[in-house]
Amino acid sequence: MTTTQAFWDKASGATACEVSFSDQQTLSADLEPAVGGLGGPTPHDILDAALAACTTLTLQLYIARKGMAVQQLRVEVSHAKNGNQNVMTRSLQVTGTLTEEEQASLLRIAEACPVHKTLTAGSSIVTLTRVVGAAG
């Protein structure tokens, strides 16, 4: 199991938090400017990026395995609210020569990427809280 952490320190004066991954890679996440953020990627932006990246990598493997005549692949994801539901729109742009059957298979494989499955199947989140003394 991998662990991802987000860290914020009031003393920094920033609204952003630093997100770190098990392999020591980091990125910043921020609030939307409307609520005081400085315009960095929001958590929803990062969720969109996870779906776009997973779709791209899943399709890349499939395209290579099937030997499809694809030179480039661009996946764009946007999100909007529809009442209480978040609606994510994913667009695939493929540069290459594909049959209708190959195009249909790319759509089917895109919907099988692990992040897509996680988002559409639902997840269970367990939250644990631990309070420590004041930092000094």
N, C-alpha and C. Protein backbone atom coordinates (compact mmCIF):
# COMPACT_ATOMS: atom_id res chain seq x y z
N MET A 1 0.85 -1.18 0.00
CA MET A 1 0.00 0.00 0.00
C MET A 1 0.89 1.24 0.00
N THR A 2 0.56 2.20 -0.83
CA THR A 2 1.31 3.46 -0.85
C THR A 2 0.65 4.46 0.08
N THR A 3 1.44 5.38 0.57
CA THR A 3 0.93 6.42 1.47
C THR A 3 1.23 7.78 0.87
N THR A 4 0.23 8.61 0.83
CA THR A 4 0.36 9.99 0.39
C THR A 4 0.04 10.88 1.58
N GLN A 5 0.84 11.91 1.78
CA GLN A 5 0.64 12.83 2.90
C GLN A 5 0.47 14.24 2.38
N ALA A 6 -0.33 15.03 3.10
CA ALA A 6 -0.43 16.46 2.84
C ALA A 6 -0.08 17.17 4.14
N PHE A 7 0.75 18.22 4.04
CA PHE A 7 1.23 18.93 5.23
C PHE A 7 1.02 20.42 5.05
N TRP A 8 0.45 21.07 6.07
CA TRP A 8 0.28 22.52 6.09
C TRP A 8 0.79 23.04 7.42
N ASP A 9 1.47 24.15 7.41
CA ASP A 9 2.00 24.77 8.63
C ASP A 9 1.52 26.22 8.67
N LYS A 10 0.77 26.56 9.71
CA LYS A 10 0.24 27.92 9.86
C LYS A 10 1.34 28.97 9.79
N ALA A 11 2.50 28.65 10.35
CA ALA A 11 3.61 29.61 10.39
C ALA A 11 4.09 30.02 9.00
N SER A 12 3.82 29.20 7.99
CA SER A 12 4.27 29.53 6.63
C SER A 12 3.49 30.71 6.06
N GLY A 13 2.32 30.96 6.58
CA GLY A 13 1.48 32.04 6.07
C GLY A 13 0.82 31.71 4.74
N ALA A 14 1.04 30.53 4.23
CA ALA A 14 0.49 30.13 2.94
C ALA A 14 -0.83 29.39 3.12
N THR A 15 -1.64 29.40 2.07
CA THR A 15 -2.85 28.60 2.09
C THR A 15 -2.59 27.21 1.51
N ALA A 16 -1.53 27.06 0.75
CA ALA A 16 -1.23 25.79 0.08
C ALA A 16 -0.69 24.77 1.07
N CYS A 17 -0.88 23.52 0.72
CA CYS A 17 -0.26 22.43 1.48
C CYS A 17 0.69 21.69 0.55
N GLU A 18 1.66 21.04 1.14
CA GLU A 18 2.64 20.26 0.39
C GLU A 18 2.19 18.80 0.43
N VAL A 19 2.07 18.19 -0.73
CA VAL A 19 1.66 16.79 -0.83
C VAL A 19 2.89 15.97 -1.18
N SER A 20 3.14 14.92 -0.40
CA SER A 20 4.29 14.06 -0.69
C SER A 20 3.83 12.62 -0.86
N PHE A 21 4.56 11.93 -1.70
CA PHE A 21 4.24 10.55 -2.05
C PHE A 21 5.30 9.62 -1.49
N SER A 22 5.02 8.34 -1.46
CA SER A 22 5.94 7.35 -0.90
C SER A 22 7.32 7.41 -1.53
N ASP A 23 7.40 7.79 -2.81
CA ASP A 23 8.70 7.83 -3.50
C ASP A 23 9.39 9.19 -3.36
N GLN A 24 8.93 10.01 -2.44
CA GLN A 24 9.53 11.31 -2.12
C GLN A 24 9.25 12.41 -3.15
N GLN A 25 8.44 12.16 -4.15
CA GLN A 25 8.02 13.22 -5.07
C GLN A 25 7.02 14.12 -4.34
N THR A 26 6.99 15.40 -4.67
CA THR A 26 6.06 16.32 -4.02
C THR A 26 5.34 17.21 -5.03
N LEU A 27 4.23 17.75 -4.59
CA LEU A 27 3.52 18.78 -5.34
C LEU A 27 2.75 19.63 -4.34
N SER A 28 2.29 20.78 -4.76
CA SER A 28 1.52 21.66 -3.89
C SER A 28 0.06 21.64 -4.31
N ALA A 29 -0.81 21.76 -3.33
CA ALA A 29 -2.25 21.91 -3.57
C ALA A 29 -2.70 23.16 -2.83
N ASP A 30 -3.61 23.89 -3.43
CA ASP A 30 -4.03 25.16 -2.83
C ASP A 30 -5.55 25.28 -2.88
N LEU A 31 -6.03 26.27 -2.16
CA LEU A 31 -7.44 26.62 -2.21
C LEU A 31 -7.72 27.39 -3.49
N GLU A 32 -8.99 27.47 -3.86
CA GLU A 32 -9.37 28.30 -5.00
C GLU A 32 -9.15 29.77 -4.63
N PRO A 33 -8.78 30.61 -5.59
CA PRO A 33 -8.57 32.03 -5.29
C PRO A 33 -9.78 32.70 -4.62
N ALA A 34 -10.98 32.26 -4.95
CA ALA A 34 -12.19 32.86 -4.37
C ALA A 34 -12.25 32.72 -2.85
N VAL A 35 -11.52 31.75 -2.30
CA VAL A 35 -11.51 31.55 -0.85
C VAL A 35 -10.12 31.78 -0.26
N GLY A 36 -9.28 32.52 -0.98
CA GLY A 36 -7.99 32.91 -0.43
C GLY A 36 -6.77 32.22 -0.99
N GLY A 37 -6.95 31.26 -1.86
CA GLY A 37 -5.81 30.56 -2.45
C GLY A 37 -5.06 31.44 -3.44
N LEU A 38 -3.88 30.99 -3.80
CA LEU A 38 -3.03 31.78 -4.70
C LEU A 38 -3.07 31.28 -6.14
N GLY A 39 -3.96 30.37 -6.45
CA GLY A 39 -4.13 29.95 -7.84
C GLY A 39 -3.41 28.67 -8.22
N GLY A 40 -2.82 27.97 -7.27
CA GLY A 40 -2.20 26.69 -7.58
C GLY A 40 -3.27 25.64 -7.82
N PRO A 41 -2.86 24.44 -8.20
CA PRO A 41 -3.85 23.39 -8.44
C PRO A 41 -4.63 23.08 -7.16
N THR A 42 -5.94 22.96 -7.31
CA THR A 42 -6.79 22.60 -6.18
C THR A 42 -6.86 21.08 -6.07
N PRO A 43 -7.35 20.56 -4.96
CA PRO A 43 -7.52 19.11 -4.86
C PRO A 43 -8.36 18.53 -6.00
N HIS A 44 -9.41 19.25 -6.44
CA HIS A 44 -10.20 18.76 -7.57
C HIS A 44 -9.37 18.74 -8.86
N ASP A 45 -8.50 19.74 -9.04
CA ASP A 45 -7.60 19.74 -10.20
C ASP A 45 -6.70 18.51 -10.18
N ILE A 46 -6.22 18.16 -9.00
CA ILE A 46 -5.33 17.00 -8.86
C ILE A 46 -6.10 15.71 -9.12
N LEU A 47 -7.36 15.66 -8.70
CA LEU A 47 -8.20 14.50 -9.00
C LEU A 47 -8.40 14.38 -10.51
N ASP A 48 -8.68 15.51 -11.17
CA ASP A 48 -8.80 15.50 -12.63
C ASP A 48 -7.50 15.00 -13.27
N ALA A 49 -6.37 15.48 -12.75
CA ALA A 49 -5.06 15.07 -13.28
C ALA A 49 -4.84 13.57 -13.10
N ALA A 50 -5.29 13.02 -11.98
CA ALA A 50 -5.14 11.58 -11.75
C ALA A 50 -5.91 10.78 -12.80
N LEU A 51 -7.13 11.22 -13.10
CA LEU A 51 -7.91 10.52 -14.12
C LEU A 51 -7.27 10.67 -15.50
N ALA A 52 -6.82 11.88 -15.83
CA ALA A 52 -6.19 12.10 -17.14
C ALA A 52 -4.91 11.28 -17.29
N ALA A 53 -4.08 11.29 -16.25
CA ALA A 53 -2.81 10.55 -16.31
C ALA A 53 -3.05 9.05 -16.39
N CYS A 54 -3.95 8.54 -15.56
CA CYS A 54 -4.23 7.10 -15.56
C CYS A 54 -4.79 6.66 -16.91
N THR A 55 -5.70 7.45 -17.47
CA THR A 55 -6.26 7.12 -18.78
C THR A 55 -5.16 7.11 -19.84
N THR A 56 -4.31 8.12 -19.83
CA THR A 56 -3.22 8.21 -20.81
C THR A 56 -2.28 7.02 -20.71
N LEU A 57 -1.87 6.69 -19.49
CA LEU A 57 -0.93 5.58 -19.30
C LEU A 57 -1.56 4.24 -19.66
N THR A 58 -2.83 4.04 -19.29
CA THR A 58 -3.52 2.80 -19.62
C THR A 58 -3.64 2.65 -21.13
N LEU A 59 -4.04 3.72 -21.80
CA LEU A 59 -4.17 3.67 -23.26
C LEU A 59 -2.82 3.50 -23.94
N GLN A 60 -1.79 4.13 -23.40
CA GLN A 60 -0.44 4.00 -23.97
C GLN A 60 -0.02 2.52 -23.99
N LEU A 61 -0.23 1.83 -22.90
CA LEU A 61 0.12 0.40 -22.83
C LEU A 61 -0.69 -0.41 -23.84
N TYR A 62 -1.99 -0.13 -23.93
CA TYR A 62 -2.87 -0.85 -24.84
C TYR A 62 -2.48 -0.60 -26.30
N ILE A 63 -2.22 0.67 -26.63
CA ILE A 63 -1.83 1.03 -28.00
C ILE A 63 -0.55 0.31 -28.40
N ALA A 64 0.42 0.27 -27.49
CA ALA A 64 1.69 -0.41 -27.78
C ALA A 64 1.48 -1.91 -27.95
N ARG A 65 0.67 -2.49 -27.06
CA ARG A 65 0.44 -3.94 -27.12
C ARG A 65 -0.27 -4.35 -28.40
N LYS A 66 -1.21 -3.51 -28.86
CA LYS A 66 -1.98 -3.83 -30.06
C LYS A 66 -1.30 -3.34 -31.34
N GLY A 67 -0.19 -2.59 -31.21
CA GLY A 67 0.51 -2.10 -32.38
C GLY A 67 -0.31 -1.11 -33.21
N MET A 68 -1.11 -0.31 -32.54
CA MET A 68 -1.95 0.66 -33.25
C MET A 68 -1.11 1.80 -33.81
N ALA A 69 -1.58 2.36 -34.92
CA ALA A 69 -0.88 3.46 -35.59
C ALA A 69 -1.24 4.80 -34.93
N VAL A 70 -0.78 4.97 -33.70
CA VAL A 70 -1.05 6.18 -32.93
C VAL A 70 0.28 6.86 -32.63
N GLN A 71 0.37 8.15 -32.97
CA GLN A 71 1.59 8.91 -32.69
C GLN A 71 1.47 9.72 -31.41
N GLN A 72 0.28 10.23 -31.13
CA GLN A 72 0.08 11.05 -29.93
C GLN A 72 -1.29 10.79 -29.34
N LEU A 73 -1.35 11.03 -28.04
CA LEU A 73 -2.61 10.88 -27.31
C LEU A 73 -2.70 12.01 -26.30
N ARG A 74 -3.80 12.71 -26.30
CA ARG A 74 -4.03 13.78 -25.32
C ARG A 74 -5.36 13.48 -24.62
N VAL A 75 -5.32 13.50 -23.30
CA VAL A 75 -6.53 13.29 -22.51
C VAL A 75 -6.77 14.54 -21.68
N GLU A 76 -7.93 15.13 -21.83
CA GLU A 76 -8.30 16.31 -21.05
C GLU A 76 -9.47 15.95 -20.14
N VAL A 77 -9.40 16.42 -18.90
CA VAL A 77 -10.48 16.17 -17.94
C VAL A 77 -10.87 17.50 -17.33
N SER A 78 -12.17 17.75 -17.28
CA SER A 78 -12.69 18.92 -16.58
C SER A 78 -13.80 18.45 -15.65
N HIS A 79 -14.14 19.29 -14.70
CA HIS A 79 -15.22 18.91 -13.79
C HIS A 79 -16.14 20.09 -13.53
N ALA A 80 -17.37 19.78 -13.21
CA ALA A 80 -18.37 20.79 -12.88
C ALA A 80 -19.36 20.17 -11.91
N LYS A 81 -20.07 21.01 -11.21
CA LYS A 81 -21.10 20.53 -10.29
C LYS A 81 -22.44 20.52 -11.03
N ASN A 82 -23.21 19.47 -10.78
CA ASN A 82 -24.58 19.37 -11.26
C ASN A 82 -25.42 19.02 -10.05
N GLY A 83 -25.90 20.04 -9.34
CA GLY A 83 -26.57 19.80 -8.07
C GLY A 83 -25.55 19.32 -7.06
N ASN A 84 -25.81 18.16 -6.46
CA ASN A 84 -24.89 17.58 -5.49
C ASN A 84 -23.85 16.67 -6.13
N GLN A 85 -23.96 16.46 -7.42
CA GLN A 85 -23.06 15.52 -8.10
C GLN A 85 -21.95 16.26 -8.84
N ASN A 86 -20.75 15.72 -8.75
CA ASN A 86 -19.63 16.20 -9.56
C ASN A 86 -19.67 15.46 -10.89
N VAL A 87 -19.56 16.20 -11.98
CA VAL A 87 -19.53 15.60 -13.30
C VAL A 87 -18.16 15.85 -13.90
N MET A 88 -17.45 14.77 -14.19
CA MET A 88 -16.13 14.86 -14.82
C MET A 88 -16.31 14.54 -16.30
N THR A 89 -15.78 15.40 -17.15
CA THR A 89 -15.84 15.18 -18.59
C THR A 89 -14.43 14.89 -19.08
N ARG A 90 -14.28 13.74 -19.73
CA ARG A 90 -12.96 13.32 -20.23
C ARG A 90 -13.02 13.31 -21.76
N SER A 91 -12.05 13.96 -22.39
CA SER A 91 -11.96 14.01 -23.85
C SER A 91 -10.66 13.35 -24.29
N LEU A 92 -10.76 12.46 -25.26
CA LEU A 92 -9.59 11.79 -25.82
C LEU A 92 -9.31 12.36 -27.20
N GLN A 93 -8.09 12.77 -27.43
CA GLN A 93 -7.67 13.24 -28.75
C GLN A 93 -6.53 12.35 -29.21
N VAL A 94 -6.76 11.62 -30.28
CA VAL A 94 -5.79 10.65 -30.78
C VAL A 94 -5.27 11.12 -32.13
N THR A 95 -3.95 11.18 -32.25
CA THR A 95 -3.32 11.50 -33.53
C THR A 95 -2.82 10.19 -34.12
N GLY A 96 -3.38 9.82 -35.25
CA GLY A 96 -3.00 8.57 -35.88
C GLY A 96 -4.11 8.09 -36.81
N THR A 97 -3.96 6.88 -37.29
CA THR A 97 -4.93 6.28 -38.18
C THR A 97 -5.55 5.08 -37.49
N LEU A 98 -6.86 5.16 -37.23
CA LEU A 98 -7.54 4.09 -36.51
C LEU A 98 -8.82 3.68 -37.24
N THR A 99 -9.12 2.40 -37.17
CA THR A 99 -10.41 1.92 -37.66
C THR A 99 -11.48 2.27 -36.63
N GLU A 100 -12.74 2.17 -37.02
CA GLU A 100 -13.83 2.41 -36.08
C GLU A 100 -13.76 1.42 -34.92
N GLU A 101 -13.38 0.20 -35.22
CA GLU A 101 -13.25 -0.83 -34.18
C GLU A 101 -12.16 -0.46 -33.18
N GLU A 102 -11.03 0.03 -33.68
CA GLU A 102 -9.94 0.45 -32.78
C GLU A 102 -10.36 1.65 -31.93
N GLN A 103 -11.10 2.59 -32.52
CA GLN A 103 -11.60 3.73 -31.76
C GLN A 103 -12.51 3.27 -30.63
N ALA A 104 -13.39 2.34 -30.92
CA ALA A 104 -14.30 1.82 -29.90
C ALA A 104 -13.52 1.10 -28.80
N SER A 105 -12.46 0.39 -29.18
CA SER A 105 -11.68 -0.32 -28.17
C SER A 105 -10.94 0.66 -27.26
N LEU A 106 -10.50 1.80 -27.80
CA LEU A 106 -9.84 2.81 -26.96
C LEU A 106 -10.80 3.37 -25.92
N LEU A 107 -12.04 3.61 -26.30
CA LEU A 107 -13.04 4.09 -25.35
C LEU A 107 -13.29 3.05 -24.26
N ARG A 108 -13.41 1.80 -24.67
CA ARG A 108 -13.63 0.71 -23.70
C ARG A 108 -12.46 0.61 -22.72
N ILE A 109 -11.24 0.70 -23.22
CA ILE A 109 -10.05 0.61 -22.37
C ILE A 109 -9.93 1.83 -21.46
N ALA A 110 -10.28 3.01 -21.97
CA ALA A 110 -10.25 4.23 -21.14
C ALA A 110 -11.15 4.06 -19.92
N GLU A 111 -12.30 3.45 -20.12
CA GLU A 111 -13.23 3.25 -19.02
C GLU A 111 -12.79 2.14 -18.07
N ALA A 112 -11.74 1.42 -18.44
CA ALA A 112 -11.20 0.36 -17.58
C ALA A 112 -9.97 0.81 -16.81
N CYS A 113 -9.55 2.07 -16.96
CA CYS A 113 -8.36 2.50 -16.22
C CYS A 113 -8.67 2.46 -14.73
N PRO A 114 -7.69 2.14 -13.89
CA PRO A 114 -7.93 1.97 -12.45
C PRO A 114 -8.55 3.18 -11.76
N VAL A 115 -8.15 4.39 -12.12
CA VAL A 115 -8.73 5.57 -11.46
C VAL A 115 -10.20 5.73 -11.87
N HIS A 116 -10.50 5.50 -13.14
CA HIS A 116 -11.90 5.54 -13.60
C HIS A 116 -12.74 4.55 -12.80
N LYS A 117 -12.23 3.34 -12.65
CA LYS A 117 -12.96 2.32 -11.88
C LYS A 117 -13.17 2.75 -10.43
N THR A 118 -12.14 3.32 -9.82
CA THR A 118 -12.26 3.77 -8.43
C THR A 118 -13.31 4.86 -8.30
N LEU A 119 -13.30 5.81 -9.21
CA LEU A 119 -14.24 6.93 -9.14
C LEU A 119 -15.68 6.50 -9.40
N THR A 120 -15.87 5.56 -10.31
CA THR A 120 -17.24 5.16 -10.65
C THR A 120 -17.79 4.08 -9.74
N ALA A 121 -16.91 3.29 -9.11
CA ALA A 121 -17.37 2.23 -8.22
C ALA A 121 -17.64 2.75 -6.81
N GLY A 122 -17.04 3.88 -6.49
CA GLY A 122 -17.18 4.41 -5.13
C GLY A 122 -16.08 3.86 -4.26
N SER A 123 -15.79 4.58 -3.22
CA SER A 123 -14.72 4.18 -2.31
C SER A 123 -15.21 4.30 -0.89
N SER A 124 -14.57 3.59 -0.02
CA SER A 124 -14.83 3.71 1.41
C SER A 124 -13.64 4.43 2.02
N ILE A 125 -13.89 5.47 2.81
CA ILE A 125 -12.81 6.24 3.42
C ILE A 125 -12.91 6.10 4.93
N VAL A 126 -11.84 5.66 5.55
CA VAL A 126 -11.75 5.55 7.00
C VAL A 126 -10.85 6.68 7.47
N THR A 127 -11.34 7.52 8.38
CA THR A 127 -10.56 8.66 8.87
C THR A 127 -10.18 8.43 10.32
N LEU A 128 -8.88 8.50 10.60
CA LEU A 128 -8.34 8.35 11.95
C LEU A 128 -7.78 9.70 12.38
N THR A 129 -7.99 10.09 13.62
CA THR A 129 -7.50 11.37 14.13
C THR A 129 -6.56 11.14 15.29
N ARG A 130 -5.43 11.88 15.30
CA ARG A 130 -4.48 11.82 16.40
C ARG A 130 -4.06 13.25 16.71
N VAL A 131 -4.24 13.69 17.94
CA VAL A 131 -3.86 15.04 18.34
C VAL A 131 -2.54 14.96 19.08
N VAL A 132 -1.58 15.80 18.67
CA VAL A 132 -0.27 15.85 19.33
C VAL A 132 -0.11 17.23 19.96
N GLY A 133 0.83 17.35 20.87
CA GLY A 133 1.07 18.63 21.53
C GLY A 133 1.49 19.70 20.54
N ALA A 134 1.45 20.94 20.98
CA ALA A 134 1.82 22.07 20.12
C ALA A 134 3.27 21.96 19.67
N ALA A 135 3.50 22.31 18.40
CA ALA A 135 4.87 22.31 17.87
C ALA A 135 5.63 23.44 18.54
N GLY A 136 6.88 23.20 18.80
CA GLY A 136 7.61 24.23 19.52
C GLY A 136 8.86 24.55 18.90
